[in-house]
């Protein structure tokens, strides 16, 4: 009897182990601690950039258009940024006038708005869209200039 119980327990452990090994982890990411996997980024179509990468883009690409999609533009913004607030439809109204061949850096004071703004550009057919990771706060924390 004890021998049967032992083998049943071994069988259960084996089945659970195989099931666990074959099941994909819901929060597994090929990027490790990344908040957005490369696959999701490709689906989104825009590229997340760190404040340092954004600063380099601004410094080396004079044709880059920096878009602040927040309602807080007057309280401080990245140098040279234009304000098309995503929440009141300003970005939607501006999109037909924007050049799809230019590069764009989108940011806000909150992540959901910048993601929405960047995605609106992608959905409209823009192909060179970057989004500032950490938003305006990360830019300021990095010590970069603001207007």
C-alpha atoms as a PDB file:
ATOM      1  CA  UNK A   1       0.000   0.000   0.000  1.00  0.00           C
ATOM      2  CA  UNK A   2       2.781   2.415   0.935  1.00  0.00           C
ATOM      3  CA  UNK A   3       4.530   1.581  -2.342  1.00  0.00           C
ATOM      4  CA  UNK A   4       1.364   2.520  -4.339  1.00  0.00           C
ATOM      5  CA  UNK A   5       1.031   5.855  -2.524  1.00  0.00           C
ATOM      6  CA  UNK A   6       4.700   6.597  -3.225  1.00  0.00           C
ATOM      7  CA  UNK A   7       4.246   5.971  -6.974  1.00  0.00           C
ATOM      8  CA  UNK A   8       1.021   8.013  -7.130  1.00  0.00           C
ATOM      9  CA  UNK A   9       2.822  10.950  -5.501  1.00  0.00           C
ATOM     10  CA  UNK A  10       5.738  10.605  -7.948  1.00  0.00           C
ATOM     11  CA  UNK A  11       3.283  10.500 -10.863  1.00  0.00           C
ATOM     12  CA  UNK A  12       1.461  13.622  -9.634  1.00  0.00           C
ATOM     13  CA  UNK A  13       4.742  15.497  -9.214  1.00  0.00           C
ATOM     14  CA  UNK A  14       5.818  14.465 -12.712  1.00  0.00           C
ATOM     15  CA  UNK A  15       2.517  15.578 -14.292  1.00  0.00           C
ATOM     16  CA  UNK A  16       2.555  18.920 -12.463  1.00  0.00           C
ATOM     17  CA  UNK A  17       6.214  19.426 -13.415  1.00  0.00           C
ATOM     18  CA  UNK A  18       5.570  18.755 -17.098  1.00  0.00           C
ATOM     19  CA  UNK A  19       2.503  21.018 -17.045  1.00  0.00           C
ATOM     20  CA  UNK A  20       4.469  23.815 -15.363  1.00  0.00           C
ATOM     21  CA  UNK A  21       7.399  23.414 -17.750  1.00  0.00           C
ATOM     22  CA  UNK A  22       5.157  23.563 -20.847  1.00  0.00           C
ATOM     23  CA  UNK A  23       2.945  26.442 -19.650  1.00  0.00           C
ATOM     24  CA  UNK A  24       4.063  29.919 -20.722  1.00  0.00           C
ATOM     25  CA  UNK A  25       4.527  32.359 -17.890  1.00  0.00           C
ATOM     26  CA  UNK A  26       2.017  35.236 -18.169  1.00  0.00           C
ATOM     27  CA  UNK A  27       4.576  37.811 -17.122  1.00  0.00           C
ATOM     28  CA  UNK A  28       7.601  36.350 -18.870  1.00  0.00           C
ATOM     29  CA  UNK A  29       9.372  38.930 -20.984  1.00  0.00           C
ATOM     30  CA  UNK A  30      12.323  38.383 -23.303  1.00  0.00           C
ATOM     31  CA  UNK A  31      13.684  41.718 -22.072  1.00  0.00           C
ATOM     32  CA  UNK A  32      13.781  40.693 -18.416  1.00  0.00           C
ATOM     33  CA  UNK A  33      12.672  43.686 -16.337  1.00  0.00           C
ATOM     34  CA  UNK A  34      11.500  45.712 -19.332  1.00  0.00           C
ATOM     35  CA  UNK A  35       8.038  47.206 -18.897  1.00  0.00           C
ATOM     36  CA  UNK A  36       7.286  46.696 -22.562  1.00  0.00           C
ATOM     37  CA  UNK A  37       8.696  43.753 -24.479  1.00  0.00           C
ATOM     38  CA  UNK A  38      10.312  44.165 -27.875  1.00  0.00           C
ATOM     39  CA  UNK A  39       7.419  42.238 -29.414  1.00  0.00           C
ATOM     40  CA  UNK A  40       4.878  44.667 -27.937  1.00  0.00           C
ATOM     41  CA  UNK A  41       7.015  47.581 -29.102  1.00  0.00           C
ATOM     42  CA  UNK A  42       7.008  46.206 -32.643  1.00  0.00           C
ATOM     43  CA  UNK A  43       3.229  45.815 -32.472  1.00  0.00           C
ATOM     44  CA  UNK A  44       2.916  49.383 -31.200  1.00  0.00           C
ATOM     45  CA  UNK A  45       5.175  50.656 -33.983  1.00  0.00           C
ATOM     46  CA  UNK A  46       6.895  53.364 -31.986  1.00  0.00           C
ATOM     47  CA  UNK A  47      10.219  53.053 -30.176  1.00  0.00           C
ATOM     48  CA  UNK A  48      10.648  53.805 -26.474  1.00  0.00           C
ATOM     49  CA  UNK A  49      13.794  55.815 -25.748  1.00  0.00           C
ATOM     50  CA  UNK A  50      15.473  56.754 -22.477  1.00  0.00           C
ATOM     51  CA  UNK A  51      15.974  60.418 -21.585  1.00  0.00           C
ATOM     52  CA  UNK A  52      19.638  60.114 -22.677  1.00  0.00           C
ATOM     53  CA  UNK A  53      18.607  58.646 -26.037  1.00  0.00           C
ATOM     54  CA  UNK A  54      15.962  61.360 -26.448  1.00  0.00           C
ATOM     55  CA  UNK A  55      18.547  64.049 -25.693  1.00  0.00           C
ATOM     56  CA  UNK A  56      20.849  62.560 -28.319  1.00  0.00           C
ATOM     57  CA  UNK A  57      18.018  62.531 -30.875  1.00  0.00           C
ATOM     58  CA  UNK A  58      17.245  66.176 -30.138  1.00  0.00           C
ATOM     59  CA  UNK A  59      20.916  67.164 -30.344  1.00  0.00           C
ATOM     60  CA  UNK A  60      21.770  65.239 -33.525  1.00  0.00           C
ATOM     61  CA  UNK A  61      18.600  65.354 -35.599  1.00  0.00           C
ATOM     62  CA  UNK A  62      17.540  68.929 -36.308  1.00  0.00           C
ATOM     63  CA  UNK A  63      14.457  67.777 -38.224  1.00  0.00           C
ATOM     64  CA  UNK A  64      13.102  65.888 -35.179  1.00  0.00           C
ATOM     65  CA  UNK A  65       9.717  67.202 -34.038  1.00  0.00           C
ATOM     66  CA  UNK A  66       9.196  67.012 -30.271  1.00  0.00           C
ATOM     67  CA  UNK A  67       5.531  66.772 -29.318  1.00  0.00           C
ATOM     68  CA  UNK A  68       4.240  67.337 -25.789  1.00  0.00           C
ATOM     69  CA  UNK A  69       0.799  65.692 -25.618  1.00  0.00           C
ATOM     70  CA  UNK A  70       0.043  66.957 -22.106  1.00  0.00           C
ATOM     71  CA  UNK A  71      -2.175  69.758 -20.803  1.00  0.00           C
ATOM     72  CA  UNK A  72       0.809  70.927 -18.687  1.00  0.00           C
ATOM     73  CA  UNK A  73       2.894  72.417 -21.509  1.00  0.00           C
ATOM     74  CA  UNK A  74       2.902  75.923 -20.007  1.00  0.00           C
ATOM     75  CA  UNK A  75       4.312  74.566 -16.728  1.00  0.00           C
ATOM     76  CA  UNK A  76       7.484  73.364 -18.473  1.00  0.00           C
ATOM     77  CA  UNK A  77       8.390  71.397 -21.570  1.00  0.00           C
ATOM     78  CA  UNK A  78      11.327  70.027 -23.514  1.00  0.00           C
ATOM     79  CA  UNK A  79      13.192  72.663 -25.545  1.00  0.00           C
ATOM     80  CA  UNK A  80      11.527  73.344 -28.875  1.00  0.00           C
ATOM     81  CA  UNK A  81       8.539  71.099 -28.158  1.00  0.00           C
ATOM     82  CA  UNK A  82       5.172  71.815 -29.693  1.00  0.00           C
ATOM     83  CA  UNK A  83       1.993  71.121 -27.747  1.00  0.00           C
ATOM     84  CA  UNK A  84      -0.769  68.974 -29.196  1.00  0.00           C
ATOM     85  CA  UNK A  85      -2.758  67.844 -26.183  1.00  0.00           C
ATOM     86  CA  UNK A  86      -4.019  64.333 -26.825  1.00  0.00           C
ATOM     87  CA  UNK A  87      -6.952  64.686 -24.405  1.00  0.00           C
ATOM     88  CA  UNK A  88      -8.747  67.545 -26.159  1.00  0.00           C
ATOM     89  CA  UNK A  89      -8.299  66.382 -29.754  1.00  0.00           C
ATOM     90  CA  UNK A  90      -5.481  68.824 -30.593  1.00  0.00           C
ATOM     91  CA  UNK A  91      -3.209  65.989 -31.706  1.00  0.00           C
ATOM     92  CA  UNK A  92      -5.949  64.485 -33.876  1.00  0.00           C
ATOM     93  CA  UNK A  93      -6.490  67.886 -35.510  1.00  0.00           C
ATOM     94  CA  UNK A  94      -2.743  68.373 -36.118  1.00  0.00           C
ATOM     95  CA  UNK A  95      -1.995  64.929 -37.570  1.00  0.00           C
ATOM     96  CA  UNK A  96      -3.202  65.702 -41.134  1.00  0.00           C
ATOM     97  CA  UNK A  97      -0.848  68.712 -41.231  1.00  0.00           C
ATOM     98  CA  UNK A  98       2.233  66.828 -39.991  1.00  0.00           C
ATOM     99  CA  UNK A  99       4.848  65.454 -42.399  1.00  0.00           C
ATOM    100  CA  UNK A 100       4.816  61.644 -42.224  1.00  0.00           C
ATOM    101  CA  UNK A 101       8.441  61.511 -43.428  1.00  0.00           C
ATOM    102  CA  UNK A 102       9.810  63.373 -40.388  1.00  0.00           C
ATOM    103  CA  UNK A 103      10.848  61.894 -37.061  1.00  0.00           C
ATOM    104  CA  UNK A 104       8.766  62.543 -33.951  1.00  0.00           C
ATOM    105  CA  UNK A 105       9.474  62.288 -30.237  1.00  0.00           C
ATOM    106  CA  UNK A 106       6.313  62.117 -28.135  1.00  0.00           C
ATOM    107  CA  UNK A 107       6.138  62.643 -24.386  1.00  0.00           C
ATOM    108  CA  UNK A 108       3.752  63.685 -21.653  1.00  0.00           C
ATOM    109  CA  UNK A 109       3.618  63.895 -17.884  1.00  0.00           C
ATOM    110  CA  UNK A 110       1.840  60.531 -17.677  1.00  0.00           C
ATOM    111  CA  UNK A 111       2.627  57.336 -19.547  1.00  0.00           C
ATOM    112  CA  UNK A 112      -0.840  56.474 -20.822  1.00  0.00           C
ATOM    113  CA  UNK A 113      -1.166  59.776 -22.675  1.00  0.00           C
ATOM    114  CA  UNK A 114       2.237  59.518 -24.344  1.00  0.00           C
ATOM    115  CA  UNK A 115       1.502  55.942 -25.404  1.00  0.00           C
ATOM    116  CA  UNK A 116      -1.840  57.059 -26.826  1.00  0.00           C
ATOM    117  CA  UNK A 117      -0.228  59.988 -28.641  1.00  0.00           C
ATOM    118  CA  UNK A 118       2.577  57.917 -30.131  1.00  0.00           C
ATOM    119  CA  UNK A 119       0.114  55.243 -31.203  1.00  0.00           C
ATOM    120  CA  UNK A 120      -2.127  57.828 -32.886  1.00  0.00           C
ATOM    121  CA  UNK A 121       0.824  58.850 -35.047  1.00  0.00           C
ATOM    122  CA  UNK A 122       1.590  55.231 -35.913  1.00  0.00           C
ATOM    123  CA  UNK A 123      -2.063  54.534 -36.708  1.00  0.00           C
ATOM    124  CA  UNK A 124      -2.051  57.548 -39.045  1.00  0.00           C
ATOM    125  CA  UNK A 125       0.851  56.069 -41.032  1.00  0.00           C
ATOM    126  CA  UNK A 126       3.876  57.718 -39.407  1.00  0.00           C
ATOM    127  CA  UNK A 127       6.875  55.400 -39.284  1.00  0.00           C
ATOM    128  CA  UNK A 128       9.546  57.297 -37.318  1.00  0.00           C
ATOM    129  CA  UNK A 129       8.000  57.762 -33.889  1.00  0.00           C
ATOM    130  CA  UNK A 130       9.820  57.678 -30.551  1.00  0.00           C
ATOM    131  CA  UNK A 131       8.319  57.866 -27.065  1.00  0.00           C
ATOM    132  CA  UNK A 132      10.186  59.219 -24.053  1.00  0.00           C
ATOM    133  CA  UNK A 133      10.381  56.563 -21.317  1.00  0.00           C
ATOM    134  CA  UNK A 134       9.703  57.973 -17.883  1.00  0.00           C
ATOM    135  CA  UNK A 135       8.022  60.995 -19.426  1.00  0.00           C
ATOM    136  CA  UNK A 136       8.763  64.626 -18.550  1.00  0.00           C
ATOM    137  CA  UNK A 137       9.691  63.702 -14.974  1.00  0.00           C
ATOM    138  CA  UNK A 138      12.513  61.421 -16.137  1.00  0.00           C
ATOM    139  CA  UNK A 139      13.812  64.163 -18.436  1.00  0.00           C
ATOM    140  CA  UNK A 140      13.902  66.646 -15.539  1.00  0.00           C
ATOM    141  CA  UNK A 141      15.413  64.056 -13.154  1.00  0.00           C
ATOM    142  CA  UNK A 142      18.209  63.469 -15.679  1.00  0.00           C
ATOM    143  CA  UNK A 143      19.078  67.172 -15.417  1.00  0.00           C
ATOM    144  CA  UNK A 144      18.262  68.076 -19.014  1.00  0.00           C
ATOM    145  CA  UNK A 145      17.066  71.591 -19.870  1.00  0.00           C
ATOM    146  CA  UNK A 146      13.426  72.628 -19.983  1.00  0.00           C
ATOM    147  CA  UNK A 147      11.628  75.723 -21.187  1.00  0.00           C
END
